[in-house]
Amino acid sequence: MIQGSTELVAIVGSPVAQVKSPENFNRWFADHQQNVAMLAIDLAQSALDDFVQTLRGWQNLRGCVVTVPYKQLLASRLDSVSERSAALCSVNVIRREIDGRLVGDIVDGEGFLNAARKQGFNPKDKQVLVIGTGGVGSAIAYSLCQAGVSH
């Protein structure tokens, strides 16, 4: 149950009807007795600048997951981004600091790499083929390179 004290996280993109994140996150929050809820926000591109300004003052919003088509568009509107986000000009998470600053990162590649390592994959000196150069594919390629693939 969402209450006045509930902290919020959002997933923002357009469209968002197909995203599974709210269901998955909200189940995890409930299972772990967290007073947090995820909202899906289907945002028109023309409202991006206003949305970023609103995020700065939205005090009970921890941050956002960013999905298509806004990963690249939002990266340039934040106060700071991680080194990998700067290299890829893309974000898939935004954290709102207490002072309203917005900090972005892209964790798709690290998520992929962590899952692959759990299956016994060691990227060091491997040759890899990544098909797709969108936000996720680029992030995976970046993380694989950082982890030591040879080609």
N, C-alpha and C. Protein backbone atom coordinates (compact mmCIF):
# COMPACT_ATOMS: atom_id res chain seq x y z
N MET A 1 0.84 -1.17 0.00
CA MET A 1 0.00 0.00 0.00
C MET A 1 0.89 1.24 0.00
N ILE A 2 0.66 2.12 -0.94
CA ILE A 2 1.40 3.37 -0.99
C ILE A 2 0.82 4.33 0.04
N GLN A 3 1.73 4.90 0.84
CA GLN A 3 1.35 5.83 1.90
C GLN A 3 2.06 7.15 1.66
N GLY A 4 1.76 8.14 2.47
CA GLY A 4 2.44 9.43 2.36
C GLY A 4 3.93 9.32 2.64
N SER A 5 4.34 8.32 3.41
CA SER A 5 5.75 8.12 3.74
C SER A 5 6.48 7.20 2.76
N THR A 6 5.78 6.70 1.76
CA THR A 6 6.39 5.78 0.80
C THR A 6 7.39 6.52 -0.08
N GLU A 7 8.59 5.95 -0.20
CA GLU A 7 9.57 6.49 -1.14
C GLU A 7 9.29 5.87 -2.50
N LEU A 8 9.51 6.65 -3.54
CA LEU A 8 9.19 6.21 -4.89
C LEU A 8 10.43 6.09 -5.75
N VAL A 9 10.37 5.16 -6.67
CA VAL A 9 11.30 5.07 -7.79
C VAL A 9 10.42 4.98 -9.02
N ALA A 10 10.97 5.34 -10.16
CA ALA A 10 10.17 5.34 -11.38
C ALA A 10 10.93 4.64 -12.48
N ILE A 11 10.20 4.17 -13.46
CA ILE A 11 10.80 3.78 -14.73
C ILE A 11 10.17 4.70 -15.76
N VAL A 12 11.01 5.38 -16.51
CA VAL A 12 10.53 6.37 -17.45
C VAL A 12 10.95 6.00 -18.86
N GLY A 13 10.03 6.11 -19.78
CA GLY A 13 10.27 5.83 -21.19
C GLY A 13 8.99 6.07 -21.95
N SER A 14 8.94 5.62 -23.19
CA SER A 14 7.71 5.69 -23.96
C SER A 14 7.83 4.77 -25.18
N PRO A 15 7.03 3.75 -25.23
CA PRO A 15 5.98 3.37 -24.31
C PRO A 15 6.55 2.62 -23.10
N VAL A 16 5.72 2.42 -22.08
CA VAL A 16 6.15 1.65 -20.91
C VAL A 16 5.18 0.54 -20.53
N ALA A 17 4.12 0.37 -21.29
CA ALA A 17 3.13 -0.66 -20.97
C ALA A 17 3.75 -2.06 -20.94
N GLN A 18 4.82 -2.28 -21.69
CA GLN A 18 5.43 -3.60 -21.80
C GLN A 18 6.48 -3.87 -20.72
N VAL A 19 6.88 -2.88 -19.95
CA VAL A 19 7.98 -3.08 -19.00
C VAL A 19 7.55 -3.95 -17.83
N LYS A 20 8.45 -4.78 -17.38
CA LYS A 20 8.20 -5.69 -16.25
C LYS A 20 8.77 -5.16 -14.95
N SER A 21 9.56 -4.09 -15.02
CA SER A 21 10.24 -3.58 -13.82
C SER A 21 9.29 -3.26 -12.66
N PRO A 22 8.18 -2.54 -12.86
CA PRO A 22 7.32 -2.24 -11.71
C PRO A 22 6.85 -3.51 -10.98
N GLU A 23 6.42 -4.49 -11.72
CA GLU A 23 5.96 -5.75 -11.12
C GLU A 23 7.09 -6.41 -10.33
N ASN A 24 8.28 -6.51 -10.94
CA ASN A 24 9.41 -7.18 -10.30
C ASN A 24 9.92 -6.41 -9.08
N PHE A 25 10.12 -5.10 -9.24
CA PHE A 25 10.62 -4.29 -8.12
C PHE A 25 9.61 -4.25 -6.99
N ASN A 26 8.34 -4.03 -7.30
CA ASN A 26 7.33 -3.91 -6.25
C ASN A 26 7.15 -5.22 -5.49
N ARG A 27 7.29 -6.34 -6.17
CA ARG A 27 7.26 -7.63 -5.48
C ARG A 27 8.45 -7.73 -4.51
N TRP A 28 9.65 -7.33 -4.99
CA TRP A 28 10.84 -7.39 -4.13
C TRP A 28 10.68 -6.46 -2.93
N PHE A 29 10.20 -5.23 -3.18
CA PHE A 29 9.99 -4.29 -2.08
C PHE A 29 9.04 -4.87 -1.04
N ALA A 30 7.93 -5.46 -1.48
CA ALA A 30 6.95 -6.04 -0.56
C ALA A 30 7.55 -7.23 0.19
N ASP A 31 8.24 -8.11 -0.53
CA ASP A 31 8.84 -9.30 0.11
C ASP A 31 9.88 -8.92 1.15
N HIS A 32 10.52 -7.76 0.99
CA HIS A 32 11.56 -7.32 1.92
C HIS A 32 11.08 -6.19 2.84
N GLN A 33 9.75 -6.04 2.92
CA GLN A 33 9.11 -5.07 3.81
C GLN A 33 9.71 -3.67 3.69
N GLN A 34 9.92 -3.25 2.44
CA GLN A 34 10.43 -1.92 2.15
C GLN A 34 9.25 -1.00 1.85
N ASN A 35 9.26 0.19 2.40
CA ASN A 35 8.21 1.17 2.13
C ASN A 35 8.60 1.99 0.89
N VAL A 36 8.73 1.27 -0.23
CA VAL A 36 9.15 1.83 -1.51
C VAL A 36 8.23 1.27 -2.58
N ALA A 37 7.94 2.07 -3.60
CA ALA A 37 7.11 1.60 -4.72
C ALA A 37 7.68 2.15 -6.02
N MET A 38 7.57 1.35 -7.07
CA MET A 38 7.98 1.78 -8.41
C MET A 38 6.76 2.14 -9.24
N LEU A 39 6.87 3.27 -9.92
CA LEU A 39 5.84 3.76 -10.84
C LEU A 39 6.36 3.74 -12.26
N ALA A 40 5.52 3.39 -13.20
CA ALA A 40 5.88 3.49 -14.62
C ALA A 40 5.37 4.83 -15.14
N ILE A 41 6.27 5.57 -15.80
CA ILE A 41 5.91 6.88 -16.33
C ILE A 41 6.11 6.86 -17.85
N ASP A 42 5.01 6.94 -18.58
CA ASP A 42 5.04 7.03 -20.04
C ASP A 42 5.10 8.51 -20.38
N LEU A 43 6.30 8.98 -20.71
CA LEU A 43 6.56 10.41 -20.84
C LEU A 43 6.75 10.81 -22.29
N ALA A 44 6.04 11.85 -22.70
CA ALA A 44 6.23 12.41 -24.03
C ALA A 44 7.59 13.10 -24.10
N GLN A 45 8.28 12.96 -25.22
CA GLN A 45 9.61 13.56 -25.38
C GLN A 45 9.57 15.07 -25.16
N SER A 46 8.50 15.71 -25.53
CA SER A 46 8.39 17.15 -25.37
C SER A 46 8.38 17.58 -23.90
N ALA A 47 8.18 16.64 -22.98
CA ALA A 47 8.13 16.95 -21.55
C ALA A 47 9.41 16.59 -20.81
N LEU A 48 10.46 16.17 -21.53
CA LEU A 48 11.70 15.72 -20.87
C LEU A 48 12.33 16.81 -19.99
N ASP A 49 12.46 18.00 -20.50
CA ASP A 49 13.10 19.06 -19.71
C ASP A 49 12.30 19.38 -18.45
N ASP A 50 10.99 19.46 -18.58
CA ASP A 50 10.15 19.71 -17.41
C ASP A 50 10.24 18.56 -16.42
N PHE A 51 10.31 17.34 -16.93
CA PHE A 51 10.43 16.16 -16.05
C PHE A 51 11.72 16.22 -15.25
N VAL A 52 12.83 16.55 -15.90
CA VAL A 52 14.12 16.64 -15.20
C VAL A 52 14.03 17.71 -14.10
N GLN A 53 13.43 18.84 -14.40
CA GLN A 53 13.28 19.89 -13.37
C GLN A 53 12.41 19.40 -12.23
N THR A 54 11.35 18.67 -12.55
CA THR A 54 10.47 18.12 -11.50
C THR A 54 11.23 17.12 -10.63
N LEU A 55 12.06 16.29 -11.25
CA LEU A 55 12.85 15.31 -10.48
C LEU A 55 13.69 15.98 -9.41
N ARG A 56 14.27 17.13 -9.72
CA ARG A 56 15.14 17.83 -8.78
C ARG A 56 14.41 18.16 -7.47
N GLY A 57 13.13 18.47 -7.55
CA GLY A 57 12.38 18.85 -6.36
C GLY A 57 11.47 17.77 -5.80
N TRP A 58 11.41 16.62 -6.44
CA TRP A 58 10.51 15.54 -6.03
C TRP A 58 11.17 14.80 -4.86
N GLN A 59 10.89 15.25 -3.65
CA GLN A 59 11.65 14.84 -2.48
C GLN A 59 11.46 13.39 -2.06
N ASN A 60 10.35 12.76 -2.38
CA ASN A 60 10.18 11.36 -2.00
C ASN A 60 10.46 10.41 -3.18
N LEU A 61 11.11 10.92 -4.22
CA LEU A 61 11.51 10.09 -5.36
C LEU A 61 13.02 9.85 -5.27
N ARG A 62 13.41 8.59 -5.08
CA ARG A 62 14.83 8.24 -4.99
C ARG A 62 15.53 8.39 -6.31
N GLY A 63 14.86 8.02 -7.39
CA GLY A 63 15.46 8.09 -8.71
C GLY A 63 14.64 7.34 -9.73
N CYS A 64 15.26 7.10 -10.88
CA CYS A 64 14.55 6.51 -12.02
C CYS A 64 15.40 5.45 -12.70
N VAL A 65 14.71 4.49 -13.24
CA VAL A 65 15.26 3.62 -14.27
C VAL A 65 14.85 4.26 -15.58
N VAL A 66 15.75 4.28 -16.54
CA VAL A 66 15.46 4.92 -17.83
C VAL A 66 15.45 3.84 -18.90
N THR A 67 14.41 3.85 -19.72
CA THR A 67 14.31 2.89 -20.82
C THR A 67 14.09 3.66 -22.13
N VAL A 68 13.90 2.91 -23.20
CA VAL A 68 13.78 3.51 -24.53
C VAL A 68 12.61 4.49 -24.56
N PRO A 69 12.77 5.56 -25.27
CA PRO A 69 13.89 5.99 -26.11
C PRO A 69 14.76 7.06 -25.44
N TYR A 70 14.81 7.08 -24.11
CA TYR A 70 15.39 8.23 -23.41
C TYR A 70 16.78 8.02 -22.82
N LYS A 71 17.40 6.88 -23.02
CA LYS A 71 18.71 6.63 -22.41
C LYS A 71 19.76 7.66 -22.85
N GLN A 72 19.80 7.98 -24.11
CA GLN A 72 20.76 8.96 -24.60
C GLN A 72 20.27 10.39 -24.34
N LEU A 73 19.00 10.62 -24.51
CA LEU A 73 18.45 11.97 -24.37
C LEU A 73 18.57 12.51 -22.95
N LEU A 74 18.40 11.66 -21.95
CA LEU A 74 18.48 12.13 -20.57
C LEU A 74 19.91 12.29 -20.07
N ALA A 75 20.85 11.57 -20.65
CA ALA A 75 22.24 11.61 -20.18
C ALA A 75 22.80 13.03 -20.18
N SER A 76 22.46 13.80 -21.17
CA SER A 76 23.02 15.16 -21.29
C SER A 76 22.29 16.17 -20.42
N ARG A 77 21.22 15.78 -19.77
CA ARG A 77 20.42 16.71 -18.97
C ARG A 77 20.70 16.60 -17.47
N LEU A 78 21.64 15.73 -17.08
CA LEU A 78 21.90 15.47 -15.67
C LEU A 78 23.07 16.29 -15.16
N ASP A 79 23.21 16.36 -13.85
CA ASP A 79 24.30 17.13 -13.25
C ASP A 79 25.64 16.42 -13.37
N SER A 80 25.62 15.11 -13.27
CA SER A 80 26.85 14.33 -13.46
C SER A 80 26.48 12.91 -13.86
N VAL A 81 27.44 12.25 -14.50
CA VAL A 81 27.25 10.86 -14.90
C VAL A 81 28.54 10.09 -14.59
N SER A 82 28.41 8.79 -14.51
CA SER A 82 29.58 7.93 -14.28
C SER A 82 30.52 7.99 -15.48
N GLU A 83 31.71 7.47 -15.29
CA GLU A 83 32.68 7.43 -16.38
C GLU A 83 32.14 6.62 -17.56
N ARG A 84 31.50 5.48 -17.27
CA ARG A 84 30.98 4.66 -18.38
C ARG A 84 29.82 5.36 -19.07
N SER A 85 28.97 6.07 -18.32
CA SER A 85 27.88 6.82 -18.95
C SER A 85 28.43 7.93 -19.84
N ALA A 86 29.48 8.58 -19.37
CA ALA A 86 30.09 9.64 -20.18
C ALA A 86 30.65 9.06 -21.47
N ALA A 87 31.29 7.89 -21.37
CA ALA A 87 31.86 7.26 -22.56
C ALA A 87 30.78 6.83 -23.54
N LEU A 88 29.64 6.38 -23.03
CA LEU A 88 28.57 5.87 -23.88
C LEU A 88 27.50 6.91 -24.19
N CYS A 89 27.58 8.09 -23.54
CA CYS A 89 26.56 9.13 -23.70
C CYS A 89 25.16 8.57 -23.47
N SER A 90 25.02 7.78 -22.40
CA SER A 90 23.78 7.07 -22.15
C SER A 90 23.64 6.79 -20.65
N VAL A 91 22.40 6.77 -20.16
CA VAL A 91 22.12 6.38 -18.78
C VAL A 91 20.93 5.42 -18.77
N ASN A 92 20.92 4.52 -17.79
CA ASN A 92 19.70 3.74 -17.57
C ASN A 92 19.24 3.80 -16.12
N VAL A 93 19.98 4.54 -15.29
CA VAL A 93 19.54 4.83 -13.92
C VAL A 93 19.91 6.27 -13.58
N ILE A 94 19.02 6.91 -12.84
CA ILE A 94 19.27 8.26 -12.34
C ILE A 94 18.99 8.24 -10.85
N ARG A 95 19.95 8.72 -10.08
CA ARG A 95 19.77 8.84 -8.63
C ARG A 95 19.59 10.31 -8.30
N ARG A 96 18.58 10.59 -7.48
CA ARG A 96 18.35 11.94 -7.02
C ARG A 96 19.03 12.11 -5.67
N GLU A 97 19.99 13.05 -5.61
CA GLU A 97 20.68 13.33 -4.35
C GLU A 97 19.78 14.19 -3.46
N ILE A 98 20.07 14.24 -2.18
CA ILE A 98 19.26 15.00 -1.23
C ILE A 98 19.15 16.47 -1.64
N ASP A 99 20.22 17.01 -2.23
CA ASP A 99 20.21 18.41 -2.64
C ASP A 99 19.54 18.64 -4.00
N GLY A 100 18.98 17.58 -4.59
CA GLY A 100 18.29 17.69 -5.87
C GLY A 100 19.15 17.46 -7.09
N ARG A 101 20.46 17.27 -6.90
CA ARG A 101 21.32 16.97 -8.05
C ARG A 101 20.94 15.59 -8.59
N LEU A 102 21.07 15.44 -9.90
CA LEU A 102 20.73 14.19 -10.57
C LEU A 102 22.01 13.56 -11.11
N VAL A 103 22.24 12.30 -10.72
CA VAL A 103 23.46 11.57 -11.07
C VAL A 103 23.05 10.34 -11.88
N GLY A 104 23.68 10.17 -13.05
CA GLY A 104 23.31 9.07 -13.93
C GLY A 104 24.40 8.02 -14.06
N ASP A 105 23.98 6.81 -14.39
CA ASP A 105 24.89 5.70 -14.66
C ASP A 105 24.20 4.78 -15.66
N ILE A 106 24.96 3.89 -16.25
CA ILE A 106 24.39 2.84 -17.09
C ILE A 106 24.95 1.52 -16.58
N VAL A 107 24.06 0.68 -16.07
CA VAL A 107 24.47 -0.55 -15.41
C VAL A 107 24.11 -1.81 -16.18
N ASP A 108 23.58 -1.64 -17.39
CA ASP A 108 23.20 -2.80 -18.21
C ASP A 108 24.38 -3.74 -18.45
N GLY A 109 25.52 -3.19 -18.78
CA GLY A 109 26.70 -4.01 -19.08
C GLY A 109 27.19 -4.76 -17.86
N GLU A 110 27.22 -4.09 -16.72
CA GLU A 110 27.67 -4.75 -15.49
C GLU A 110 26.69 -5.84 -15.08
N GLY A 111 25.41 -5.60 -15.27
CA GLY A 111 24.40 -6.62 -14.98
C GLY A 111 24.61 -7.85 -15.84
N PHE A 112 24.84 -7.63 -17.13
CA PHE A 112 25.10 -8.74 -18.04
C PHE A 112 26.36 -9.50 -17.60
N LEU A 113 27.43 -8.76 -17.34
CA LEU A 113 28.71 -9.37 -16.99
C LEU A 113 28.62 -10.16 -15.69
N ASN A 114 27.94 -9.61 -14.69
CA ASN A 114 27.77 -10.34 -13.42
C ASN A 114 27.01 -11.64 -13.63
N ALA A 115 25.95 -11.60 -14.43
CA ALA A 115 25.18 -12.82 -14.70
C ALA A 115 26.02 -13.83 -15.46
N ALA A 116 26.81 -13.37 -16.43
CA ALA A 116 27.66 -14.28 -17.21
C ALA A 116 28.73 -14.91 -16.32
N ARG A 117 29.30 -14.12 -15.43
CA ARG A 117 30.32 -14.67 -14.50
C ARG A 117 29.72 -15.73 -13.59
N LYS A 118 28.49 -15.56 -13.17
CA LYS A 118 27.82 -16.57 -12.33
C LYS A 118 27.66 -17.89 -13.08
N GLN A 119 27.68 -17.82 -14.40
CA GLN A 119 27.59 -19.03 -15.24
C GLN A 119 28.97 -19.55 -15.63
N GLY A 120 30.02 -18.98 -15.02
CA GLY A 120 31.37 -19.46 -15.27
C GLY A 120 32.13 -18.75 -16.37
N PHE A 121 31.56 -17.70 -16.94
CA PHE A 121 32.22 -16.98 -18.02
C PHE A 121 33.29 -16.04 -17.46
N ASN A 122 34.51 -16.16 -17.99
CA ASN A 122 35.59 -15.23 -17.66
C ASN A 122 35.94 -14.48 -18.94
N PRO A 123 35.71 -13.17 -18.99
CA PRO A 123 35.91 -12.42 -20.23
C PRO A 123 37.37 -12.17 -20.60
N LYS A 124 38.28 -12.35 -19.66
CA LYS A 124 39.69 -12.03 -19.88
C LYS A 124 40.21 -12.75 -21.11
N ASP A 125 40.77 -11.98 -22.06
CA ASP A 125 41.40 -12.48 -23.28
C ASP A 125 40.47 -13.24 -24.22
N LYS A 126 39.16 -13.08 -24.06
CA LYS A 126 38.20 -13.75 -24.95
C LYS A 126 37.90 -12.85 -26.14
N GLN A 127 37.49 -13.47 -27.25
CA GLN A 127 36.93 -12.75 -28.38
C GLN A 127 35.42 -12.84 -28.25
N VAL A 128 34.75 -11.71 -28.43
CA VAL A 128 33.30 -11.69 -28.26
C VAL A 128 32.65 -11.01 -29.46
N LEU A 129 31.40 -11.36 -29.69
CA LEU A 129 30.60 -10.72 -30.71
C LEU A 129 29.34 -10.19 -30.03
N VAL A 130 29.16 -8.89 -30.07
CA VAL A 130 27.95 -8.27 -29.54
C VAL A 130 27.15 -7.77 -30.73
N ILE A 131 25.93 -8.24 -30.83
CA ILE A 131 25.07 -7.82 -31.93
C ILE A 131 24.09 -6.79 -31.38
N GLY A 132 24.14 -5.61 -31.95
CA GLY A 132 23.29 -4.51 -31.50
C GLY A 132 24.13 -3.44 -30.85
N THR A 133 23.91 -2.21 -31.24
CA THR A 133 24.70 -1.10 -30.71
C THR A 133 23.82 -0.04 -30.05
N GLY A 134 22.64 -0.47 -29.60
CA GLY A 134 21.79 0.44 -28.85
C GLY A 134 22.34 0.62 -27.45
N GLY A 135 21.51 1.16 -26.57
CA GLY A 135 21.96 1.42 -25.20
C GLY A 135 22.47 0.20 -24.48
N VAL A 136 21.75 -0.91 -24.54
CA VAL A 136 22.16 -2.13 -23.85
C VAL A 136 23.37 -2.76 -24.51
N GLY A 137 23.35 -2.91 -25.83
CA GLY A 137 24.47 -3.52 -26.54
C GLY A 137 25.76 -2.76 -26.34
N SER A 138 25.69 -1.45 -26.40
CA SER A 138 26.89 -0.63 -26.19
C SER A 138 27.41 -0.78 -24.76
N ALA A 139 26.50 -0.82 -23.80
CA ALA A 139 26.90 -0.97 -22.39
C ALA A 139 27.56 -2.33 -22.16
N ILE A 140 27.03 -3.37 -22.79
CA ILE A 140 27.62 -4.71 -22.67
C ILE A 140 29.01 -4.71 -23.29
N ALA A 141 29.15 -4.14 -24.48
CA ALA A 141 30.46 -4.08 -25.14
C ALA A 141 31.46 -3.32 -24.27
N TYR A 142 31.05 -2.21 -23.70
CA TYR A 142 31.93 -1.40 -22.85
C TYR A 142 32.41 -2.23 -21.64
N SER A 143 31.47 -2.88 -20.96
CA SER A 143 31.84 -3.66 -19.78
C SER A 143 32.73 -4.84 -20.13
N LEU A 144 32.49 -5.47 -21.26
CA LEU A 144 33.36 -6.57 -21.70
C LEU A 144 34.77 -6.06 -21.96
N CYS A 145 34.89 -4.91 -22.60
CA CYS A 145 36.22 -4.33 -22.85
C CYS A 145 36.92 -3.98 -21.55
N GLN A 146 36.18 -3.39 -20.61
CA GLN A 146 36.76 -3.05 -19.31
C GLN A 146 37.20 -4.30 -18.55
N ALA A 147 36.54 -5.42 -18.82
CA ALA A 147 36.85 -6.68 -18.14
C ALA A 147 37.98 -7.46 -18.82
N GLY A 148 38.50 -6.94 -19.93
CA GLY A 148 39.68 -7.56 -20.51
C GLY A 148 39.51 -8.43 -21.73
N VAL A 149 38.39 -8.31 -22.46
CA VAL A 149 38.29 -9.09 -23.69
C VAL A 149 39.39 -8.62 -24.64
N SER A 150 39.84 -9.54 -25.49
CA SER A 150 40.94 -9.20 -26.41
C SER A 150 40.43 -8.58 -27.70
N HIS A 151 39.29 -9.02 -28.17
CA HIS A 151 38.70 -8.52 -29.42
C HIS A 151 37.19 -8.50 -29.28
